[in-house]
Amino acid sequence: MAERAQLRKRGEYRAWRAIATRWMDNDVYGHVNNVVYYSFFDTAVNAWLVEHGLLDIERGPLIGLVVETGCTYARPVAFPEEVQAGIVATKIGNSSVRYEIGLFVKGSPQPAAQGFFVHVYVDRATRRPAPLTPEWKAVLGKIAASTD
C-alpha cells in the first residue's frame, strides 16, 4: 500500500465556501456518503468561477469538462455539520486548470478530506479545447498556489 499523501493545511487554500450538509447526504452508516464529497468540490469551484465572472453556465463561450478527479478521506462528516471548502489552483495551463479542494468541518483545523479535479475548458459549441483568455488567467491567479 502506498504511503498516504500529506494533506494541505487551511492556510494553503486561497478561497472559501461554506456548504451545509443535508439530511439526505448521510448514508446508512451515519455519515456523508463518499460521492457527496465530489458534489461539494463541484459546488465550491463552480460557484467561485460564477461569482468572479468567469463562468456563465447558460451562455458563456467556455465550459469546463472534468477529465480527472480524486479524493483522500481523512475523517467522516455527518449531517448537520457545516463543511468549509477551501480552493486552490495548483496548475493553470493553456486550456486546463487543476483545482485542489480541502473539506474542513467548521471549527476544525484538520481536513476531513482533500480532493482535486482537472477542468479542461472547451468551446461550448464544438467541445474542442479552447485557450484560457488573459482575463481568465488573471482571475485564476487569485487562487493560485503559492510558489514559495
N, C-alpha and C. Protein backbone atom coordinates (compact mmCIF):
# COMPACT_ATOMS: atom_id res chain seq x y z
N MET A 1 0.84 -1.18 0.00
CA MET A 1 0.00 0.00 0.00
C MET A 1 0.88 1.24 0.00
N ALA A 2 0.56 2.20 -0.84
CA ALA A 2 1.33 3.43 -0.96
C ALA A 2 1.16 4.29 0.29
N GLU A 3 2.20 5.08 0.57
CA GLU A 3 2.12 5.99 1.71
C GLU A 3 1.13 7.10 1.41
N ARG A 4 0.35 7.47 2.41
CA ARG A 4 -0.68 8.49 2.26
C ARG A 4 -0.05 9.87 2.09
N ALA A 5 -0.53 10.62 1.12
CA ALA A 5 -0.02 11.96 0.87
C ALA A 5 -0.38 12.89 2.02
N GLN A 6 0.49 13.86 2.26
CA GLN A 6 0.24 14.88 3.28
C GLN A 6 -0.89 15.79 2.80
N LEU A 7 -1.85 16.06 3.67
CA LEU A 7 -2.97 16.92 3.30
C LEU A 7 -2.62 18.38 3.55
N ARG A 8 -3.15 19.25 2.71
CA ARG A 8 -2.90 20.69 2.83
C ARG A 8 -3.52 21.23 4.12
N LYS A 9 -2.88 22.27 4.63
CA LYS A 9 -3.38 22.96 5.81
C LYS A 9 -4.33 24.08 5.36
N ARG A 10 -5.15 24.56 6.30
CA ARG A 10 -6.11 25.62 5.99
C ARG A 10 -5.46 26.81 5.28
N GLY A 11 -4.30 27.23 5.76
CA GLY A 11 -3.64 28.41 5.22
C GLY A 11 -3.16 28.28 3.79
N GLU A 12 -3.19 27.09 3.23
CA GLU A 12 -2.74 26.88 1.86
C GLU A 12 -3.85 27.07 0.82
N TYR A 13 -5.06 27.27 1.29
CA TYR A 13 -6.19 27.49 0.37
C TYR A 13 -6.41 28.98 0.18
N ARG A 14 -6.86 29.38 -1.00
CA ARG A 14 -6.97 30.79 -1.36
C ARG A 14 -8.40 31.33 -1.38
N ALA A 15 -9.38 30.46 -1.43
CA ALA A 15 -10.79 30.89 -1.44
C ALA A 15 -11.59 29.89 -0.62
N TRP A 16 -12.71 30.35 -0.09
CA TRP A 16 -13.51 29.51 0.81
C TRP A 16 -14.99 29.58 0.48
N ARG A 17 -15.68 28.46 0.72
CA ARG A 17 -17.13 28.40 0.55
C ARG A 17 -17.69 27.52 1.66
N ALA A 18 -18.70 28.04 2.34
CA ALA A 18 -19.42 27.25 3.35
C ALA A 18 -20.49 26.43 2.64
N ILE A 19 -20.58 25.16 3.01
CA ILE A 19 -21.57 24.26 2.42
C ILE A 19 -22.28 23.52 3.55
N ALA A 20 -23.58 23.66 3.61
CA ALA A 20 -24.35 22.96 4.62
C ALA A 20 -24.57 21.52 4.19
N THR A 21 -24.33 20.60 5.11
CA THR A 21 -24.70 19.22 4.82
C THR A 21 -26.21 19.09 4.95
N ARG A 22 -26.77 18.11 4.27
CA ARG A 22 -28.22 17.89 4.30
C ARG A 22 -28.49 16.50 4.89
N TRP A 23 -29.66 16.33 5.43
CA TRP A 23 -30.06 15.04 6.00
C TRP A 23 -29.85 13.92 4.98
N MET A 24 -30.21 14.17 3.73
CA MET A 24 -30.11 13.15 2.70
C MET A 24 -28.67 12.82 2.31
N ASP A 25 -27.69 13.65 2.72
CA ASP A 25 -26.28 13.37 2.41
C ASP A 25 -25.75 12.17 3.20
N ASN A 26 -26.33 11.93 4.38
CA ASN A 26 -25.90 10.80 5.21
C ASN A 26 -26.32 9.49 4.56
N ASP A 27 -25.46 8.49 4.69
CA ASP A 27 -25.81 7.16 4.18
C ASP A 27 -26.21 6.26 5.35
N VAL A 28 -26.40 4.99 5.10
CA VAL A 28 -26.87 4.08 6.14
C VAL A 28 -25.85 3.90 7.26
N TYR A 29 -24.61 4.32 7.03
CA TYR A 29 -23.58 4.22 8.05
C TYR A 29 -23.51 5.45 8.94
N GLY A 30 -24.39 6.44 8.69
CA GLY A 30 -24.49 7.60 9.55
C GLY A 30 -23.52 8.72 9.24
N HIS A 31 -22.89 8.69 8.07
CA HIS A 31 -22.01 9.79 7.68
C HIS A 31 -22.27 10.15 6.22
N VAL A 32 -21.75 11.31 5.82
CA VAL A 32 -21.92 11.77 4.44
C VAL A 32 -21.28 10.74 3.51
N ASN A 33 -22.04 10.32 2.52
CA ASN A 33 -21.56 9.32 1.57
C ASN A 33 -20.43 9.87 0.71
N ASN A 34 -19.50 9.01 0.35
CA ASN A 34 -18.31 9.45 -0.38
C ASN A 34 -18.63 10.21 -1.67
N VAL A 35 -19.67 9.86 -2.38
CA VAL A 35 -19.96 10.55 -3.64
C VAL A 35 -20.38 12.00 -3.42
N VAL A 36 -20.89 12.32 -2.25
CA VAL A 36 -21.34 13.68 -1.96
C VAL A 36 -20.14 14.64 -1.90
N TYR A 37 -18.98 14.13 -1.51
CA TYR A 37 -17.79 14.97 -1.45
C TYR A 37 -17.49 15.57 -2.82
N TYR A 38 -17.69 14.79 -3.88
CA TYR A 38 -17.45 15.29 -5.23
C TYR A 38 -18.43 16.41 -5.58
N SER A 39 -19.65 16.32 -5.07
CA SER A 39 -20.62 17.40 -5.25
C SER A 39 -20.15 18.66 -4.53
N PHE A 40 -19.58 18.50 -3.34
CA PHE A 40 -19.03 19.64 -2.61
C PHE A 40 -17.91 20.30 -3.43
N PHE A 41 -17.02 19.48 -4.02
CA PHE A 41 -15.93 20.02 -4.83
C PHE A 41 -16.49 20.85 -5.98
N ASP A 42 -17.43 20.27 -6.71
CA ASP A 42 -18.04 20.93 -7.86
C ASP A 42 -18.71 22.24 -7.46
N THR A 43 -19.46 22.20 -6.36
CA THR A 43 -20.17 23.38 -5.87
C THR A 43 -19.18 24.49 -5.52
N ALA A 44 -18.14 24.16 -4.79
CA ALA A 44 -17.17 25.17 -4.34
C ALA A 44 -16.49 25.84 -5.53
N VAL A 45 -15.96 25.06 -6.44
CA VAL A 45 -15.19 25.63 -7.56
C VAL A 45 -16.10 26.37 -8.53
N ASN A 46 -17.19 25.74 -8.95
CA ASN A 46 -18.03 26.40 -9.95
C ASN A 46 -18.72 27.65 -9.41
N ALA A 47 -19.10 27.66 -8.14
CA ALA A 47 -19.67 28.87 -7.55
C ALA A 47 -18.64 29.99 -7.56
N TRP A 48 -17.39 29.66 -7.24
CA TRP A 48 -16.33 30.68 -7.25
C TRP A 48 -16.15 31.23 -8.66
N LEU A 49 -16.14 30.35 -9.66
CA LEU A 49 -15.97 30.79 -11.05
C LEU A 49 -17.12 31.70 -11.49
N VAL A 50 -18.34 31.34 -11.12
CA VAL A 50 -19.51 32.17 -11.47
C VAL A 50 -19.42 33.52 -10.76
N GLU A 51 -19.13 33.51 -9.46
CA GLU A 51 -19.07 34.75 -8.68
C GLU A 51 -17.98 35.69 -9.16
N HIS A 52 -16.94 35.16 -9.78
CA HIS A 52 -15.85 36.00 -10.26
C HIS A 52 -15.94 36.30 -11.76
N GLY A 53 -17.11 36.04 -12.34
CA GLY A 53 -17.38 36.44 -13.71
C GLY A 53 -16.72 35.60 -14.78
N LEU A 54 -16.19 34.45 -14.43
CA LEU A 54 -15.53 33.62 -15.43
C LEU A 54 -16.49 32.64 -16.10
N LEU A 55 -17.38 32.08 -15.34
CA LEU A 55 -18.25 31.04 -15.87
C LEU A 55 -19.69 31.54 -15.97
N ASP A 56 -20.21 31.53 -17.18
CA ASP A 56 -21.63 31.81 -17.42
C ASP A 56 -22.22 30.46 -17.82
N ILE A 57 -22.88 29.80 -16.88
CA ILE A 57 -23.30 28.43 -17.11
C ILE A 57 -24.37 28.28 -18.18
N GLU A 58 -25.06 29.36 -18.52
CA GLU A 58 -26.11 29.27 -19.53
C GLU A 58 -25.68 29.71 -20.92
N ARG A 59 -24.78 30.74 -21.00
CA ARG A 59 -24.47 31.31 -22.31
C ARG A 59 -22.98 31.53 -22.57
N GLY A 60 -22.13 31.25 -21.62
CA GLY A 60 -20.71 31.54 -21.81
C GLY A 60 -20.08 30.72 -22.92
N PRO A 61 -19.06 31.26 -23.56
CA PRO A 61 -18.41 30.55 -24.67
C PRO A 61 -17.60 29.33 -24.21
N LEU A 62 -17.14 29.35 -22.95
CA LEU A 62 -16.35 28.24 -22.43
C LEU A 62 -17.12 27.46 -21.38
N ILE A 63 -16.93 26.15 -21.40
CA ILE A 63 -17.43 25.30 -20.33
C ILE A 63 -16.28 24.41 -19.87
N GLY A 64 -16.32 24.02 -18.61
CA GLY A 64 -15.27 23.17 -18.07
C GLY A 64 -15.72 21.73 -18.01
N LEU A 65 -14.94 20.84 -18.60
CA LEU A 65 -15.22 19.41 -18.52
C LEU A 65 -14.22 18.76 -17.57
N VAL A 66 -14.71 17.97 -16.64
CA VAL A 66 -13.82 17.28 -15.70
C VAL A 66 -13.20 16.10 -16.43
N VAL A 67 -11.85 16.04 -16.44
CA VAL A 67 -11.14 14.95 -17.11
C VAL A 67 -10.39 14.05 -16.14
N GLU A 68 -10.23 14.50 -14.90
CA GLU A 68 -9.55 13.69 -13.89
C GLU A 68 -10.01 14.16 -12.51
N THR A 69 -10.13 13.23 -11.58
CA THR A 69 -10.57 13.59 -10.25
C THR A 69 -10.06 12.56 -9.24
N GLY A 70 -10.01 12.98 -7.99
CA GLY A 70 -9.61 12.06 -6.93
C GLY A 70 -9.91 12.66 -5.57
N CYS A 71 -9.91 11.81 -4.53
CA CYS A 71 -10.20 12.27 -3.18
C CYS A 71 -9.49 11.39 -2.17
N THR A 72 -8.97 12.02 -1.13
CA THR A 72 -8.42 11.33 0.03
C THR A 72 -9.29 11.69 1.22
N TYR A 73 -9.81 10.69 1.89
CA TYR A 73 -10.71 10.89 3.03
C TYR A 73 -9.91 10.75 4.31
N ALA A 74 -10.10 11.68 5.23
CA ALA A 74 -9.35 11.67 6.48
C ALA A 74 -10.23 11.40 7.70
N ARG A 75 -11.45 11.89 7.67
CA ARG A 75 -12.39 11.64 8.77
C ARG A 75 -13.81 11.83 8.28
N PRO A 76 -14.77 11.15 8.90
CA PRO A 76 -16.14 11.28 8.41
C PRO A 76 -16.75 12.65 8.72
N VAL A 77 -17.69 13.03 7.89
CA VAL A 77 -18.52 14.21 8.07
C VAL A 77 -19.95 13.70 8.15
N ALA A 78 -20.76 14.34 8.99
CA ALA A 78 -22.15 13.90 9.12
C ALA A 78 -23.08 15.10 9.26
N PHE A 79 -24.29 14.96 8.76
CA PHE A 79 -25.33 15.96 8.99
C PHE A 79 -25.54 16.08 10.49
N PRO A 80 -25.62 17.27 11.06
CA PRO A 80 -25.81 18.59 10.46
C PRO A 80 -24.53 19.44 10.42
N GLU A 81 -23.37 18.82 10.31
CA GLU A 81 -22.12 19.60 10.30
C GLU A 81 -22.05 20.50 9.06
N GLU A 82 -21.40 21.65 9.24
CA GLU A 82 -21.15 22.54 8.11
C GLU A 82 -19.76 22.25 7.58
N VAL A 83 -19.66 22.17 6.27
CA VAL A 83 -18.38 21.95 5.60
C VAL A 83 -17.86 23.30 5.11
N GLN A 84 -16.59 23.54 5.31
CA GLN A 84 -15.92 24.71 4.75
C GLN A 84 -14.96 24.18 3.69
N ALA A 85 -15.21 24.57 2.45
CA ALA A 85 -14.41 24.09 1.33
C ALA A 85 -13.38 25.13 0.94
N GLY A 86 -12.11 24.76 1.05
CA GLY A 86 -11.02 25.63 0.61
C GLY A 86 -10.62 25.25 -0.80
N ILE A 87 -10.28 26.26 -1.61
CA ILE A 87 -9.93 26.04 -3.02
C ILE A 87 -8.56 26.64 -3.31
N VAL A 88 -7.78 25.92 -4.10
CA VAL A 88 -6.52 26.45 -4.60
C VAL A 88 -6.30 25.87 -6.01
N ALA A 89 -5.84 26.70 -6.92
CA ALA A 89 -5.49 26.24 -8.27
C ALA A 89 -4.01 25.89 -8.26
N THR A 90 -3.71 24.62 -8.46
CA THR A 90 -2.32 24.20 -8.37
C THR A 90 -1.62 24.15 -9.72
N LYS A 91 -2.38 24.19 -10.79
CA LYS A 91 -1.77 24.25 -12.13
C LYS A 91 -2.75 24.94 -13.06
N ILE A 92 -2.29 26.01 -13.67
CA ILE A 92 -3.09 26.73 -14.65
C ILE A 92 -2.37 26.58 -15.98
N GLY A 93 -2.97 25.81 -16.87
CA GLY A 93 -2.36 25.54 -18.17
C GLY A 93 -2.94 26.41 -19.26
N ASN A 94 -2.75 25.98 -20.50
CA ASN A 94 -3.27 26.71 -21.65
C ASN A 94 -4.80 26.65 -21.71
N SER A 95 -5.35 25.44 -21.51
CA SER A 95 -6.81 25.30 -21.55
C SER A 95 -7.32 24.46 -20.37
N SER A 96 -6.46 24.21 -19.41
CA SER A 96 -6.88 23.38 -18.28
C SER A 96 -6.43 23.98 -16.95
N VAL A 97 -7.13 23.57 -15.89
CA VAL A 97 -6.80 24.01 -14.54
C VAL A 97 -6.97 22.82 -13.61
N ARG A 98 -5.99 22.62 -12.73
CA ARG A 98 -6.12 21.63 -11.67
C ARG A 98 -6.49 22.38 -10.40
N TYR A 99 -7.65 22.04 -9.84
CA TYR A 99 -8.13 22.61 -8.60
C TYR A 99 -7.95 21.57 -7.50
N GLU A 100 -7.48 22.02 -6.34
CA GLU A 100 -7.47 21.16 -5.16
C GLU A 100 -8.42 21.78 -4.16
N ILE A 101 -9.19 20.91 -3.52
CA ILE A 101 -10.23 21.36 -2.60
C ILE A 101 -10.07 20.63 -1.28
N GLY A 102 -10.00 21.38 -0.20
CA GLY A 102 -9.94 20.80 1.12
C GLY A 102 -11.29 20.97 1.79
N LEU A 103 -11.79 19.91 2.36
CA LEU A 103 -13.07 19.98 3.08
C LEU A 103 -12.79 19.89 4.57
N PHE A 104 -13.20 20.93 5.28
CA PHE A 104 -13.00 21.03 6.72
C PHE A 104 -14.35 21.14 7.39
N VAL A 105 -14.53 20.45 8.49
CA VAL A 105 -15.73 20.67 9.30
C VAL A 105 -15.53 22.00 10.00
N LYS A 106 -16.56 22.81 10.03
CA LYS A 106 -16.47 24.15 10.64
C LYS A 106 -15.84 24.04 12.03
N GLY A 107 -14.79 24.85 12.24
CA GLY A 107 -14.11 24.89 13.51
C GLY A 107 -12.95 23.92 13.65
N SER A 108 -12.80 23.01 12.70
CA SER A 108 -11.72 22.01 12.79
C SER A 108 -10.50 22.48 11.99
N PRO A 109 -9.31 22.38 12.60
CA PRO A 109 -8.12 22.77 11.86
C PRO A 109 -7.64 21.71 10.88
N GLN A 110 -8.10 20.47 11.06
CA GLN A 110 -7.67 19.37 10.21
C GLN A 110 -8.70 19.08 9.12
N PRO A 111 -8.24 18.78 7.90
CA PRO A 111 -9.19 18.48 6.83
C PRO A 111 -9.90 17.14 7.05
N ALA A 112 -11.15 17.11 6.67
CA ALA A 112 -11.91 15.85 6.67
C ALA A 112 -11.61 15.09 5.38
N ALA A 113 -11.31 15.84 4.32
CA ALA A 113 -10.99 15.24 3.03
C ALA A 113 -10.27 16.27 2.18
N GLN A 114 -9.52 15.76 1.22
CA GLN A 114 -8.89 16.63 0.23
C GLN A 114 -9.04 15.96 -1.13
N GLY A 115 -9.50 16.75 -2.07
CA GLY A 115 -9.69 16.21 -3.40
C GLY A 115 -9.15 17.14 -4.46
N PHE A 116 -9.25 16.68 -5.68
CA PHE A 116 -8.82 17.51 -6.80
C PHE A 116 -9.68 17.16 -8.00
N PHE A 117 -9.74 18.08 -8.92
CA PHE A 117 -10.20 17.73 -10.25
C PHE A 117 -9.53 18.65 -11.25
N VAL A 118 -9.45 18.17 -12.47
CA VAL A 118 -8.88 18.93 -13.58
C VAL A 118 -10.02 19.24 -14.53
N HIS A 119 -10.18 20.53 -14.78
CA HIS A 119 -11.13 21.00 -15.80
C HIS A 119 -10.33 21.26 -17.07
N VAL A 120 -10.81 20.77 -18.18
CA VAL A 120 -10.34 21.22 -19.49
C VAL A 120 -11.45 22.13 -20.00
N TYR A 121 -11.08 23.36 -20.34
CA TYR A 121 -12.07 24.31 -20.83
C TYR A 121 -12.18 24.17 -22.33
N VAL A 122 -13.43 24.03 -22.76
CA VAL A 122 -13.70 23.78 -24.17
C VAL A 122 -14.72 24.79 -24.69
N ASP A 123 -14.71 24.96 -26.00
CA ASP A 123 -15.71 25.78 -26.66
C ASP A 123 -17.07 25.11 -26.49
N ARG A 124 -18.04 25.88 -26.05
CA ARG A 124 -19.39 25.33 -25.79
C ARG A 124 -19.94 24.60 -27.01
N ALA A 125 -19.78 25.16 -28.20
CA ALA A 125 -20.40 24.59 -29.40
C ALA A 125 -19.62 23.40 -29.96
N THR A 126 -18.31 23.52 -30.03
CA THR A 126 -17.52 22.46 -30.69
C THR A 126 -17.00 21.40 -29.73
N ARG A 127 -16.97 21.73 -28.42
CA ARG A 127 -16.42 20.83 -27.38
C ARG A 127 -14.92 20.56 -27.60
N ARG A 128 -14.27 21.43 -28.30
CA ARG A 128 -12.81 21.33 -28.51
C ARG A 128 -12.12 22.24 -27.50
N PRO A 129 -10.93 21.84 -27.00
CA PRO A 129 -10.21 22.68 -26.05
C PRO A 129 -10.03 24.10 -26.57
N ALA A 130 -10.20 25.05 -25.67
CA ALA A 130 -10.08 26.46 -26.01
C ALA A 130 -9.11 27.11 -25.02
N PRO A 131 -8.19 27.92 -25.50
CA PRO A 131 -7.24 28.55 -24.59
C PRO A 131 -7.93 29.50 -23.61
N LEU A 132 -7.42 29.51 -22.38
CA LEU A 132 -7.91 30.46 -21.38
C LEU A 132 -7.46 31.85 -21.78
N THR A 133 -8.34 32.82 -21.67
CA THR A 133 -8.01 34.20 -22.01
C THR A 133 -7.10 34.78 -20.93
N PRO A 134 -6.42 35.88 -21.23
CA PRO A 134 -5.63 36.55 -20.20
C PRO A 134 -6.49 36.94 -18.99
N GLU A 135 -7.76 37.32 -19.22
CA GLU A 135 -8.66 37.67 -18.12
C GLU A 135 -8.86 36.45 -17.21
N TRP A 136 -9.15 35.31 -17.82
CA TRP A 136 -9.33 34.08 -17.03
C TRP A 136 -8.07 33.81 -16.20
N LYS A 137 -6.91 33.88 -16.85
CA LYS A 137 -5.67 33.56 -16.13
C LYS A 137 -5.41 34.54 -15.00
N ALA A 138 -5.73 35.80 -15.21
CA ALA A 138 -5.53 36.81 -14.16
C ALA A 138 -6.44 36.52 -12.96
N VAL A 139 -7.69 36.22 -13.22
CA VAL A 139 -8.63 35.94 -12.12
C VAL A 139 -8.25 34.64 -11.42
N LEU A 140 -7.91 33.61 -12.18
CA LEU A 140 -7.49 32.35 -11.59
C LEU A 140 -6.21 32.52 -10.75
N GLY A 141 -5.40 33.50 -11.14
CA GLY A 141 -4.18 33.79 -10.37
C GLY A 141 -4.47 34.15 -8.92
N LYS A 142 -5.68 34.64 -8.64
CA LYS A 142 -6.07 35.00 -7.27
C LYS A 142 -6.15 33.77 -6.37
N ILE A 143 -6.36 32.59 -6.96
CA ILE A 143 -6.45 31.38 -6.14
C ILE A 143 -5.31 30.40 -6.45
N ALA A 144 -4.29 30.91 -7.16
CA ALA A 144 -3.16 30.04 -7.50
C ALA A 144 -2.35 29.69 -6.25
N ALA A 145 -1.81 28.49 -6.26
CA ALA A 145 -0.98 28.03 -5.16
C ALA A 145 0.26 28.91 -5.04
N SER A 146 0.68 29.12 -3.82
CA SER A 146 1.90 29.87 -3.54
C SER A 146 3.10 29.10 -4.09
N THR A 147 4.06 29.82 -4.63
CA THR A 147 5.24 29.16 -5.20
C THR A 147 6.43 29.16 -4.26
N ASP A 148 6.25 29.59 -3.00
CA ASP A 148 7.37 29.60 -2.07
C ASP A 148 7.52 28.32 -1.32
